[in-house]
Each structure stands twice: as structure tokens, then as C-alpha cells.
């Protein structure tokens, strides 16, 4: 039969390969802090810029929502008017059907 499995520590077989960067130092993912004084992180400037853009997007989205509400109200108003006009024309056609036929056949 086969032998039982043996647990192997890969750090013993491949020293330094699984501990941080292959070149040594750094984090496990190879990311190093930016050079310069603390607080001088370029990521902070990028995040601040994105936050500003999000504020503008939010403002524009609120404006678009208001415009959509106005458009919906106008469409409802025009749809109601179209129903009223259609009902009036249907009533006229129903009550004056013979006269409408005479006008159409002439």
C-alpha cells in the first residue's frame, strides 16, 4: 500500500519564496509605501478628487430626478387631455353618425 501523506512546510523547502517580495522587504503583495513625508500620499489626493466628482454627480442626479418628475407630470396631463378629446369626438360621432357618413361620402 501507499505511504501516508507527509505535511511539508514550503518555507523550509523554498526559503524566502513565500515570505513577502522575492527581492526581499515589502508587504506580502509587493506594495511599498510612497516616498516622501508621512501624509504625502498620492492616494489621498485621488480619493479627494473622486469625492468631489461624486458630489457633482449627486447634484446632477438630483437635477435629473426633478426633470423626470416634471416630464412625467406633463405626459400625464397630455394623456388626460387626449382621453378627453377622444371621448368628445367619439360622443359626437356616435350622436351624429348619419351626418358624419353624409359628410364623408360627398
PDB file of N, CA and C in Angstrom:
ATOM      1  N   UNK A   1       0.827  -1.190   0.000  1.00  0.00           N
ATOM      2  CA  UNK A   1       0.000   0.000   0.000  1.00  0.00           C
ATOM      3  C   UNK A   1       0.871   1.254   0.000  1.00  0.00           C
ATOM      4  N   UNK A   2       0.204   2.385  -0.274  1.00  0.00           N
ATOM      5  CA  UNK A   2       0.953   3.640  -0.331  1.00  0.00           C
ATOM      6  C   UNK A   2       1.219   4.172   1.071  1.00  0.00           C
ATOM      7  N   UNK A   3       2.231   5.003   1.150  1.00  0.00           N
ATOM      8  CA  UNK A   3       2.604   5.598   2.435  1.00  0.00           C
ATOM      9  C   UNK A   3       1.658   6.739   2.767  1.00  0.00           C
ATOM     10  N   UNK A   4       1.451   7.059   4.051  1.00  0.00           N
ATOM     11  CA  UNK A   4       0.587   8.189   4.413  1.00  0.00           C
ATOM     12  C   UNK A   4       1.216   9.503   3.949  1.00  0.00           C
ATOM     13  N   UNK A   5       0.348  10.487   3.774  1.00  0.00           N
ATOM     14  CA  UNK A   5       0.828  11.797   3.331  1.00  0.00           C
ATOM     15  C   UNK A   5       1.670  12.436   4.422  1.00  0.00           C
ATOM     16  N   UNK A   6       2.680  13.160   4.000  1.00  0.00           N
ATOM     17  CA  UNK A   6       3.557  13.856   4.925  1.00  0.00           C
ATOM     18  C   UNK A   6       3.336  15.367   4.756  1.00  0.00           C
ATOM     19  N   UNK A   7       3.123  16.055   5.857  1.00  0.00           N
ATOM     20  CA  UNK A   7       2.977  17.504   5.803  1.00  0.00           C
ATOM     21  C   UNK A   7       4.345  18.137   5.601  1.00  0.00           C
ATOM     22  N   UNK A   8       4.416  19.037   4.650  1.00  0.00           N
ATOM     23  CA  UNK A   8       5.684  19.664   4.321  1.00  0.00           C
ATOM     24  C   UNK A   8       5.530  21.163   4.470  1.00  0.00           C
ATOM     25  N   UNK A   9       6.451  21.815   5.118  1.00  0.00           N
ATOM     26  CA  UNK A   9       6.471  23.268   5.229  1.00  0.00           C
ATOM     27  C   UNK A   9       7.206  23.808   4.005  1.00  0.00           C
ATOM     28  N   UNK A  10       6.482  24.513   3.163  1.00  0.00           N
ATOM     29  CA  UNK A  10       7.092  25.021   1.934  1.00  0.00           C
ATOM     30  C   UNK A  10       8.149  26.074   2.208  1.00  0.00           C
ATOM     31  N   UNK A  11       8.050  26.765   3.325  1.00  0.00           N
ATOM     32  CA  UNK A  11       9.082  27.756   3.662  1.00  0.00           C
ATOM     33  C   UNK A  11      10.419  27.078   3.911  1.00  0.00           C
ATOM     34  N   UNK A  12      10.392  25.832   4.384  1.00  0.00           N
ATOM     35  CA  UNK A  12      11.647  25.107   4.583  1.00  0.00           C
ATOM     36  C   UNK A  12      12.240  24.661   3.252  1.00  0.00           C
ATOM     37  N   UNK A  13      11.398  24.241   2.321  1.00  0.00           N
ATOM     38  CA  UNK A  13      11.895  23.760   1.037  1.00  0.00           C
ATOM     39  C   UNK A  13      12.297  24.893   0.105  1.00  0.00           C
ATOM     40  N   UNK A  14      11.558  26.022   0.173  1.00  0.00           N
ATOM     41  CA  UNK A  14      11.838  27.171  -0.697  1.00  0.00           C
ATOM     42  C   UNK A  14      12.008  28.402   0.189  1.00  0.00           C
ATOM     43  N   UNK A  15      13.127  28.608   0.809  1.00  0.00           N
ATOM     44  CA  UNK A  15      13.290  29.737   1.737  1.00  0.00           C
ATOM     45  C   UNK A  15      13.149  31.081   1.019  1.00  0.00           C
ATOM     46  N   UNK A  16      12.387  31.966   1.640  1.00  0.00           N
ATOM     47  CA  UNK A  16      12.219  33.319   1.121  1.00  0.00           C
ATOM     48  C   UNK A  16      11.195  33.447   0.014  1.00  0.00           C
ATOM     49  N   UNK A  17      10.745  32.361  -0.567  1.00  0.00           N
ATOM     50  CA  UNK A  17       9.831  32.426  -1.698  1.00  0.00           C
ATOM     51  C   UNK A  17       8.440  32.840  -1.271  1.00  0.00           C
ATOM     52  N   UNK A  18       8.017  32.417  -0.113  1.00  0.00           N
ATOM     53  CA  UNK A  18       6.653  32.693   0.339  1.00  0.00           C
ATOM     54  C   UNK A  18       6.615  33.738   1.445  1.00  0.00           C
ATOM     55  N   UNK A  19       7.686  34.432   1.660  1.00  0.00           N
ATOM     56  CA  UNK A  19       7.735  35.462   2.696  1.00  0.00           C
ATOM     57  C   UNK A  19       7.966  36.810   2.042  1.00  0.00           C
ATOM     58  N   UNK A  20       6.897  37.519   1.756  1.00  0.00           N
ATOM     59  CA  UNK A  20       6.996  38.860   1.183  1.00  0.00           C
ATOM     60  C   UNK A  20       7.440  38.822  -0.260  1.00  0.00           C
ATOM     61  N   UNK A  21       8.127  39.862  -0.654  1.00  0.00           N
ATOM     62  CA  UNK A  21       8.590  40.012  -2.020  1.00  0.00           C
ATOM     63  C   UNK A  21       9.790  39.099  -2.265  1.00  0.00           C
ATOM     64  N   UNK A  22       9.953  38.616  -3.493  1.00  0.00           N
ATOM     65  CA  UNK A  22      11.090  37.756  -3.801  1.00  0.00           C
ATOM     66  C   UNK A  22      12.407  38.498  -3.632  1.00  0.00           C
ATOM     67  N   UNK A  23      12.380  39.792  -3.879  1.00  0.00           N
ATOM     68  CA  UNK A  23      13.598  40.593  -3.763  1.00  0.00           C
ATOM     69  C   UNK A  23      13.875  40.956  -2.312  1.00  0.00           C
ATOM     70  N   UNK A  24      12.921  40.679  -1.455  1.00  0.00           N
ATOM     71  CA  UNK A  24      13.117  40.981  -0.038  1.00  0.00           C
ATOM     72  C   UNK A  24      12.429  42.275   0.322  1.00  0.00           C
ATOM     73  N   UNK A  25      11.877  42.325   1.525  1.00  0.00           N
ATOM     74  CA  UNK A  25      11.219  43.536   2.001  1.00  0.00           C
ATOM     75  C   UNK A  25       9.843  43.693   1.404  1.00  0.00           C
ATOM     76  N   UNK A  26       9.149  44.729   1.807  1.00  0.00           N
ATOM     77  CA  UNK A  26       7.830  44.999   1.267  1.00  0.00           C
ATOM     78  C   UNK A  26       6.752  44.159   1.925  1.00  0.00           C
ATOM     79  N   UNK A  27       5.535  44.391   1.529  1.00  0.00           N
ATOM     80  CA  UNK A  27       4.407  43.623   2.040  1.00  0.00           C
ATOM     81  C   UNK A  27       4.284  42.316   1.277  1.00  0.00           C
ATOM     82  N   UNK A  28       3.303  41.521   1.680  1.00  0.00           N
ATOM     83  CA  UNK A  28       3.071  40.250   1.002  1.00  0.00           C
ATOM     84  C   UNK A  28       2.671  40.456  -0.446  1.00  0.00           C
ATOM     85  N   UNK A  29       2.000  41.575  -0.738  1.00  0.00           N
ATOM     86  CA  UNK A  29       1.559  41.806  -2.115  1.00  0.00           C
ATOM     87  C   UNK A  29       2.547  42.655  -2.910  1.00  0.00           C
ATOM     88  N   UNK A  30       3.677  42.989  -2.345  1.00  0.00           N
ATOM     89  CA  UNK A  30       4.699  43.730  -3.062  1.00  0.00           C
ATOM     90  C   UNK A  30       4.454  45.220  -3.124  1.00  0.00           C
ATOM     91  N   UNK A  31       3.465  45.752  -2.408  1.00  0.00           N
ATOM     92  CA  UNK A  31       3.160  47.177  -2.428  1.00  0.00           C
ATOM     93  C   UNK A  31       4.038  47.881  -1.402  1.00  0.00           C
ATOM     94  N   UNK A  32       4.704  48.929  -1.845  1.00  0.00           N
ATOM     95  CA  UNK A  32       5.559  49.695  -0.946  1.00  0.00           C
ATOM     96  C   UNK A  32       4.949  51.075  -0.720  1.00  0.00           C
ATOM     97  N   UNK A  33       5.151  51.643   0.451  1.00  0.00           N
ATOM     98  CA  UNK A  33       4.618  52.987   0.687  1.00  0.00           C
ATOM     99  C   UNK A  33       5.317  53.994  -0.210  1.00  0.00           C
ATOM    100  N   UNK A  34       4.616  55.068  -0.579  1.00  0.00           N
ATOM    101  CA  UNK A  34       5.229  56.075  -1.458  1.00  0.00           C
ATOM    102  C   UNK A  34       6.349  56.804  -0.734  1.00  0.00           C
ATOM    103  N   UNK A  35       7.358  57.243  -1.482  1.00  0.00           N
ATOM    104  CA  UNK A  35       8.428  58.011  -0.847  1.00  0.00           C
ATOM    105  C   UNK A  35       7.933  59.388  -0.443  1.00  0.00           C
ATOM    106  N   UNK A  36       8.532  59.933   0.544  1.00  0.00           N
ATOM    107  CA  UNK A  36       8.162  61.271   0.979  1.00  0.00           C
ATOM    108  C   UNK A  36       7.706  61.271   2.425  1.00  0.00           C
ATOM    109  N   UNK A  37       7.361  62.443   2.928  1.00  0.00           N
ATOM    110  CA  UNK A  37       6.952  62.548   4.332  1.00  0.00           C
ATOM    111  C   UNK A  37       5.595  61.886   4.561  1.00  0.00           C
ATOM    112  N   UNK A  38       5.314  61.492   5.801  1.00  0.00           N
ATOM    113  CA  UNK A  38       4.003  60.907   6.094  1.00  0.00           C
ATOM    114  C   UNK A  38       2.888  61.896   5.779  1.00  0.00           C
ATOM    115  N   UNK A  39       1.783  61.403   5.268  1.00  0.00           N
ATOM    116  CA  UNK A  39       0.662  62.265   4.901  1.00  0.00           C
ATOM    117  C   UNK A  39       0.748  62.778   3.484  1.00  0.00           C
ATOM    118  N   UNK A  40       1.865  62.504   2.812  1.00  0.00           N
ATOM    119  CA  UNK A  40       2.048  62.952   1.432  1.00  0.00           C
ATOM    120  C   UNK A  40       1.730  61.800   0.482  1.00  0.00           C
ATOM    121  N   UNK A  41       0.595  61.176   0.720  1.00  0.00           N
ATOM    122  CA  UNK A  41       0.184  60.002  -0.056  1.00  0.00           C
ATOM    123  C   UNK A  41      -0.593  60.457  -1.287  1.00  0.00           C
ATOM    124  N   UNK A  42      -0.178  60.066  -2.497  1.00  0.00           N
ATOM    125  CA  UNK A  42      -0.926  60.475  -3.695  1.00  0.00           C
ATOM    126  C   UNK A  42      -2.317  59.859  -3.741  1.00  0.00           C
ATOM    127  N   UNK A  43      -2.522  58.775  -3.006  1.00  0.00           N
ATOM    128  CA  UNK A  43      -3.846  58.138  -2.970  1.00  0.00           C
ATOM    129  C   UNK A  43      -4.864  59.077  -2.335  1.00  0.00           C
ATOM    130  N   UNK A  44      -4.444  59.840  -1.323  1.00  0.00           N
ATOM    131  CA  UNK A  44      -5.370  60.764  -0.655  1.00  0.00           C
ATOM    132  C   UNK A  44      -5.867  61.827  -1.622  1.00  0.00           C
ATOM    133  N   UNK A  45      -5.000  62.320  -2.469  1.00  0.00           N
ATOM    134  CA  UNK A  45      -5.415  63.329  -3.450  1.00  0.00           C
ATOM    135  C   UNK A  45      -6.401  62.725  -4.442  1.00  0.00           C
ATOM    136  N   UNK A  46      -6.155  61.481  -4.846  1.00  0.00           N
ATOM    137  CA  UNK A  46      -7.059  60.826  -5.791  1.00  0.00           C
ATOM    138  C   UNK A  46      -8.420  60.588  -5.156  1.00  0.00           C
ATOM    139  N   UNK A  47      -8.425  60.177  -3.878  1.00  0.00           N
ATOM    140  CA  UNK A  47      -9.687  59.939  -3.185  1.00  0.00           C
ATOM    141  C   UNK A  47     -10.454  61.245  -3.024  1.00  0.00           C
ATOM    142  N   UNK A  48      -9.763  62.322  -2.688  1.00  0.00           N
ATOM    143  CA  UNK A  48     -10.415  63.629  -2.545  1.00  0.00           C
ATOM    144  C   UNK A  48     -11.034  64.064  -3.881  1.00  0.00           C
ATOM    145  N   UNK A  49     -10.307  63.820  -4.969  1.00  0.00           N
ATOM    146  CA  UNK A  49     -10.825  64.178  -6.293  1.00  0.00           C
ATOM    147  C   UNK A  49     -12.075  63.356  -6.616  1.00  0.00           C
ATOM    148  N   UNK A  50     -12.037  62.065  -6.306  1.00  0.00           N
ATOM    149  CA  UNK A  50     -13.209  61.222  -6.544  1.00  0.00           C
ATOM    150  C   UNK A  50     -14.396  61.662  -5.701  1.00  0.00           C
ATOM    151  N   UNK A  51     -14.149  62.045  -4.445  1.00  0.00           N
ATOM    152  CA  UNK A  51     -15.237  62.520  -3.589  1.00  0.00           C
ATOM    153  C   UNK A  51     -15.876  63.771  -4.171  1.00  0.00           C
ATOM    154  N   UNK A  52     -15.066  64.663  -4.717  1.00  0.00           N
ATOM    155  CA  UNK A  52     -15.598  65.872  -5.350  1.00  0.00           C
ATOM    156  C   UNK A  52     -16.458  65.510  -6.552  1.00  0.00           C
ATOM    157  N   UNK A  53     -15.974  64.568  -7.366  1.00  0.00           N
ATOM    158  CA  UNK A  53     -16.753  64.151  -8.530  1.00  0.00           C
ATOM    159  C   UNK A  53     -18.072  63.510  -8.112  1.00  0.00           C
ATOM    160  N   UNK A  54     -18.059  62.744  -7.046  1.00  0.00           N
ATOM    161  CA  UNK A  54     -19.286  62.110  -6.568  1.00  0.00           C
ATOM    162  C   UNK A  54     -20.291  63.173  -6.129  1.00  0.00           C
ATOM    163  N   UNK A  55     -19.808  64.237  -5.495  1.00  0.00           N
ATOM    164  CA  UNK A  55     -20.711  65.329  -5.099  1.00  0.00           C
ATOM    165  C   UNK A  55     -21.367  65.952  -6.324  1.00  0.00           C
ATOM    166  N   UNK A  56     -20.595  66.186  -7.376  1.00  0.00           N
ATOM    167  CA  UNK A  56     -21.166  66.758  -8.602  1.00  0.00           C
ATOM    168  C   UNK A  56     -22.138  65.783  -9.262  1.00  0.00           C
ATOM    169  N   UNK A  57     -21.784  64.505  -9.271  1.00  0.00           N
ATOM    170  CA  UNK A  57     -22.686  63.503  -9.849  1.00  0.00           C
ATOM    171  C   UNK A  57     -23.994  63.472  -9.076  1.00  0.00           C
ATOM    172  N   UNK A  58     -23.898  63.541  -7.760  1.00  0.00           N
ATOM    173  CA  UNK A  58     -25.095  63.519  -6.915  1.00  0.00           C
ATOM    174  C   UNK A  58     -25.982  64.735  -7.212  1.00  0.00           C
ATOM    175  N   UNK A  59     -25.361  65.905  -7.334  1.00  0.00           N
ATOM    176  CA  UNK A  59     -26.116  67.120  -7.630  1.00  0.00           C
ATOM    177  C   UNK A  59     -26.821  67.012  -8.979  1.00  0.00           C
ATOM    178  N   UNK A  60     -26.074  66.527  -9.989  1.00  0.00           N
ATOM    179  CA  UNK A  60     -26.659  66.381 -11.317  1.00  0.00           C
ATOM    180  C   UNK A  60     -27.776  65.338 -11.324  1.00  0.00           C
ATOM    181  N   UNK A  61     -27.607  64.259 -10.568  1.00  0.00           N
ATOM    182  CA  UNK A  61     -28.629  63.230 -10.486  1.00  0.00           C
ATOM    183  C   UNK A  61     -29.905  63.774  -9.846  1.00  0.00           C
ATOM    184  N   UNK A  62     -29.762  64.595  -8.813  1.00  0.00           N
ATOM    185  CA  UNK A  62     -30.940  65.216  -8.198  1.00  0.00           C
ATOM    186  C   UNK A  62     -31.664  66.118  -9.193  1.00  0.00           C
ATOM    187  N   UNK A  63     -30.890  66.838 -10.000  1.00  0.00           N
ATOM    188  CA  UNK A  63     -31.485  67.706 -11.031  1.00  0.00           C
ATOM    189  C   UNK A  63     -32.232  66.877 -12.080  1.00  0.00           C
ATOM    190  N   UNK A  64     -31.637  65.763 -12.488  1.00  0.00           N
ATOM    191  CA  UNK A  64     -32.286  64.893 -13.474  1.00  0.00           C
ATOM    192  C   UNK A  64     -33.570  64.306 -12.897  1.00  0.00           C
ATOM    193  N   UNK A  65     -33.547  63.929 -11.630  1.00  0.00           N
ATOM    194  CA  UNK A  65     -34.760  63.400 -10.996  1.00  0.00           C
ATOM    195  C   UNK A  65     -35.887  64.425 -11.036  1.00  0.00           C
ATOM    196  N   UNK A  66     -35.559  65.684 -10.750  1.00  0.00           N
ATOM    197  CA  UNK A  66     -36.569  66.740 -10.821  1.00  0.00           C
ATOM    198  C   UNK A  66     -37.120  66.901 -12.224  1.00  0.00           C
ATOM    199  N   UNK A  67     -36.224  66.848 -13.214  1.00  0.00           N
ATOM    200  CA  UNK A  67     -36.671  66.960 -14.606  1.00  0.00           C
ATOM    201  C   UNK A  67     -37.571  65.795 -14.999  1.00  0.00           C
ATOM    202  N   UNK A  68     -37.235  64.598 -14.545  1.00  0.00           N
ATOM    203  CA  UNK A  68     -38.054  63.429 -14.873  1.00  0.00           C
ATOM    204  C   UNK A  68     -39.441  63.560 -14.253  1.00  0.00           C
ATOM    205  N   UNK A  69     -39.525  64.076 -13.034  1.00  0.00           N
ATOM    206  CA  UNK A  69     -40.834  64.276 -12.396  1.00  0.00           C
ATOM    207  C   UNK A  69     -41.680  65.260 -13.202  1.00  0.00           C
ATOM    208  N   UNK A  70     -41.062  66.333 -13.673  1.00  0.00           N
ATOM    209  CA  UNK A  70     -41.780  67.323 -14.479  1.00  0.00           C
ATOM    210  C   UNK A  70     -42.272  66.691 -15.780  1.00  0.00           C
ATOM    211  N   UNK A  71     -41.408  65.896 -16.427  1.00  0.00           N
ATOM    212  CA  UNK A  71     -41.799  65.245 -17.678  1.00  0.00           C
ATOM    213  C   UNK A  71     -42.952  64.277 -17.445  1.00  0.00           C
ATOM    214  N   UNK A  72     -42.893  63.515 -16.354  1.00  0.00           N
ATOM    215  CA  UNK A  72     -43.978  62.576 -16.052  1.00  0.00           C
ATOM    216  C   UNK A  72     -45.294  63.322 -15.825  1.00  0.00           C
ATOM    217  N   UNK A  73     -45.243  64.457 -15.129  1.00  0.00           N
ATOM    218  CA  UNK A  73     -46.454  65.234 -14.903  1.00  0.00           C
ATOM    219  C   UNK A  73     -47.026  65.766 -16.212  1.00  0.00           C
ATOM    220  N   UNK A  74     -46.155  66.247 -17.083  1.00  0.00           N
ATOM    221  CA  UNK A  74     -46.629  66.765 -18.373  1.00  0.00           C
ATOM    222  C   UNK A  74     -47.234  65.659 -19.227  1.00  0.00           C
ATOM    223  N   UNK A  75     -46.586  64.483 -19.235  1.00  0.00           N
ATOM    224  CA  UNK A  75     -47.129  63.364 -20.008  1.00  0.00           C
ATOM    225  C   UNK A  75     -48.496  62.944 -19.477  1.00  0.00           C
ATOM    226  N   UNK A  76     -48.638  62.927 -18.159  1.00  0.00           N
ATOM    227  CA  UNK A  76     -49.939  62.567 -17.578  1.00  0.00           C
ATOM    228  C   UNK A  76     -50.989  63.607 -17.963  1.00  0.00           C
ATOM    229  N   UNK A  77     -50.614  64.875 -17.958  1.00  0.00           N
ATOM    230  CA  UNK A  77     -51.539  65.949 -18.329  1.00  0.00           C
ATOM    231  C   UNK A  77     -51.973  65.793 -19.791  1.00  0.00           C
ATOM    232  N   UNK A  78     -51.001  65.565 -20.682  1.00  0.00           N
ATOM    233  CA  UNK A  78     -51.335  65.418 -22.096  1.00  0.00           C
ATOM    234  C   UNK A  78     -52.125  64.144 -22.349  1.00  0.00           C
ATOM    235  N   UNK A  79     -51.816  63.081 -21.641  1.00  0.00           N
ATOM    236  CA  UNK A  79     -52.571  61.836 -21.810  1.00  0.00           C
ATOM    237  C   UNK A  79     -54.016  62.041 -21.372  1.00  0.00           C
ATOM    238  N   UNK A  80     -54.212  62.736 -20.272  1.00  0.00           N
ATOM    239  CA  UNK A  80     -55.577  63.037 -19.821  1.00  0.00           C
ATOM    240  C   UNK A  80     -56.315  63.888 -20.834  1.00  0.00           C
ATOM    241  N   UNK A  81     -55.644  64.876 -21.390  1.00  0.00           N
ATOM    242  CA  UNK A  81     -56.269  65.719 -22.422  1.00  0.00           C
ATOM    243  C   UNK A  81     -56.620  64.923 -23.664  1.00  0.00           C
ATOM    244  N   UNK A  82     -55.747  64.008 -24.051  1.00  0.00           N
ATOM    245  CA  UNK A  82     -56.034  63.178 -25.229  1.00  0.00           C
ATOM    246  C   UNK A  82     -57.247  62.286 -24.995  1.00  0.00           C
ATOM    247  N   UNK A  83     -57.388  61.778 -23.780  1.00  0.00           N
ATOM    248  CA  UNK A  83     -58.553  60.942 -23.462  1.00  0.00           C
ATOM    249  C   UNK A  83     -59.829  61.766 -23.542  1.00  0.00           C
ATOM    250  N   UNK A  84     -59.804  62.980 -23.020  1.00  0.00           N
ATOM    251  CA  UNK A  84     -60.989  63.842 -23.057  1.00  0.00           C
ATOM    252  C   UNK A  84     -61.365  64.181 -24.495  1.00  0.00           C
ATOM    253  N   UNK A  85     -60.391  64.549 -25.298  1.00  0.00           N
ATOM    254  CA  UNK A  85     -60.670  64.898 -26.694  1.00  0.00           C
ATOM    255  C   UNK A  85     -61.205  63.689 -27.453  1.00  0.00           C
ATOM    256  N   UNK A  86     -60.623  62.530 -27.238  1.00  0.00           N
ATOM    257  CA  UNK A  86     -61.100  61.306 -27.896  1.00  0.00           C
ATOM    258  C   UNK A  86     -62.525  60.989 -27.471  1.00  0.00           C
ATOM    259  N   UNK A  87     -62.820  61.161 -26.189  1.00  0.00           N
ATOM    260  CA  UNK A  87     -64.178  60.890 -25.709  1.00  0.00           C
ATOM    261  C   UNK A  87     -65.183  61.852 -26.346  1.00  0.00           C
ATOM    262  N   UNK A  88     -64.816  63.127 -26.477  1.00  0.00           N
ATOM    263  CA  UNK A  88     -65.713  64.104 -27.100  1.00  0.00           C
ATOM    264  C   UNK A  88     -65.942  63.754 -28.571  1.00  0.00           C
ATOM    265  N   UNK A  89     -64.871  63.421 -29.276  1.00  0.00           N
ATOM    266  CA  UNK A  89     -65.015  63.051 -30.688  1.00  0.00           C
ATOM    267  C   UNK A  89     -65.845  61.779 -30.843  1.00  0.00           C
ATOM    268  N   UNK A  90     -65.670  60.824 -29.941  1.00  0.00           N
ATOM    269  CA  UNK A  90     -66.468  59.592 -30.001  1.00  0.00           C
ATOM    270  C   UNK A  90     -67.941  59.896 -29.731  1.00  0.00           C
ATOM    271  N   UNK A  91     -68.209  60.777 -28.794  1.00  0.00           N
ATOM    272  CA  UNK A  91     -69.597  61.140 -28.492  1.00  0.00           C
ATOM    273  C   UNK A  91     -70.251  61.833 -29.689  1.00  0.00           C
ATOM    274  N   UNK A  92     -69.503  62.756 -30.296  1.00  0.00           N
ATOM    275  CA  UNK A  92     -70.031  63.456 -31.468  1.00  0.00           C
ATOM    276  C   UNK A  92     -70.286  62.474 -32.605  1.00  0.00           C
ATOM    277  N   UNK A  93     -69.337  61.580 -32.833  1.00  0.00           N
ATOM    278  CA  UNK A  93     -69.502  60.612 -33.914  1.00  0.00           C
ATOM    279  C   UNK A  93     -70.672  59.681 -33.641  1.00  0.00           C
ATOM    280  N   UNK A  94     -70.881  59.330 -32.416  1.00  0.00           N
ATOM    281  CA  UNK A  94     -71.976  58.426 -32.065  1.00  0.00           C
ATOM    282  C   UNK A  94     -73.333  59.123 -32.227  1.00  0.00           C
ATOM    283  N   UNK A  95     -73.435  60.366 -31.782  1.00  0.00           N
ATOM    284  CA  UNK A  95     -74.702  61.088 -31.854  1.00  0.00           C
ATOM    285  C   UNK A  95     -75.004  61.609 -33.259  1.00  0.00           C
ATOM    286  N   UNK A  96     -74.014  61.878 -34.022  1.00  0.00           N
ATOM    287  CA  UNK A  96     -74.210  62.442 -35.365  1.00  0.00           C
ATOM    288  C   UNK A  96     -73.667  61.499 -36.424  1.00  0.00           C
ATOM    289  N   UNK A  97     -73.805  60.213 -36.233  1.00  0.00           N
ATOM    290  CA  UNK A  97     -73.223  59.226 -37.130  1.00  0.00           C
ATOM    291  C   UNK A  97     -73.711  59.385 -38.571  1.00  0.00           C
ATOM    292  N   UNK A  98     -75.004  59.611 -38.730  1.00  0.00           N
ATOM    293  CA  UNK A  98     -75.565  59.743 -40.087  1.00  0.00           C
ATOM    294  C   UNK A  98     -75.010  60.976 -40.784  1.00  0.00           C
ATOM    295  N   UNK A  99     -74.921  62.069 -40.058  1.00  0.00           N
ATOM    296  CA  UNK A  99     -74.400  63.296 -40.660  1.00  0.00           C
ATOM    297  C   UNK A  99     -72.909  63.147 -40.998  1.00  0.00           C
ATOM    298  N   UNK A 100     -72.175  62.442 -40.153  1.00  0.00           N
ATOM    299  CA  UNK A 100     -70.753  62.213 -40.428  1.00  0.00           C
ATOM    300  C   UNK A 100     -70.592  61.353 -41.668  1.00  0.00           C
ATOM    301  N   UNK A 101     -71.425  60.339 -41.818  1.00  0.00           N
ATOM    302  CA  UNK A 101     -71.389  59.489 -43.012  1.00  0.00           C
ATOM    303  C   UNK A 101     -71.689  60.289 -44.280  1.00  0.00           C
ATOM    304  N   UNK A 102     -72.659  61.170 -44.184  1.00  0.00           N
ATOM    305  CA  UNK A 102     -73.008  62.001 -45.345  1.00  0.00           C
ATOM    306  C   UNK A 102     -71.845  62.916 -45.716  1.00  0.00           C
ATOM    307  N   UNK A 103     -71.176  63.456 -44.719  1.00  0.00           N
ATOM    308  CA  UNK A 103     -70.045  64.336 -44.992  1.00  0.00           C
ATOM    309  C   UNK A 103     -68.884  63.549 -45.619  1.00  0.00           C
ATOM    310  N   UNK A 104     -68.700  62.330 -45.178  1.00  0.00           N
ATOM    311  CA  UNK A 104     -67.574  61.530 -45.693  1.00  0.00           C
ATOM    312  C   UNK A 104     -67.847  61.013 -47.108  1.00  0.00           C
ATOM    313  N   UNK A 105     -69.118  60.777 -47.453  1.00  0.00           N
ATOM    314  CA  UNK A 105     -69.436  60.227 -48.769  1.00  0.00           C
ATOM    315  C   UNK A 105     -69.549  61.292 -49.849  1.00  0.00           C
ATOM    316  N   UNK A 106     -69.643  62.517 -49.488  1.00  0.00           N
ATOM    317  CA  UNK A 106     -69.784  63.576 -50.502  1.00  0.00           C
ATOM    318  C   UNK A 106     -68.487  63.833 -51.211  1.00  0.00           C
TER     319      UNK A 106
END
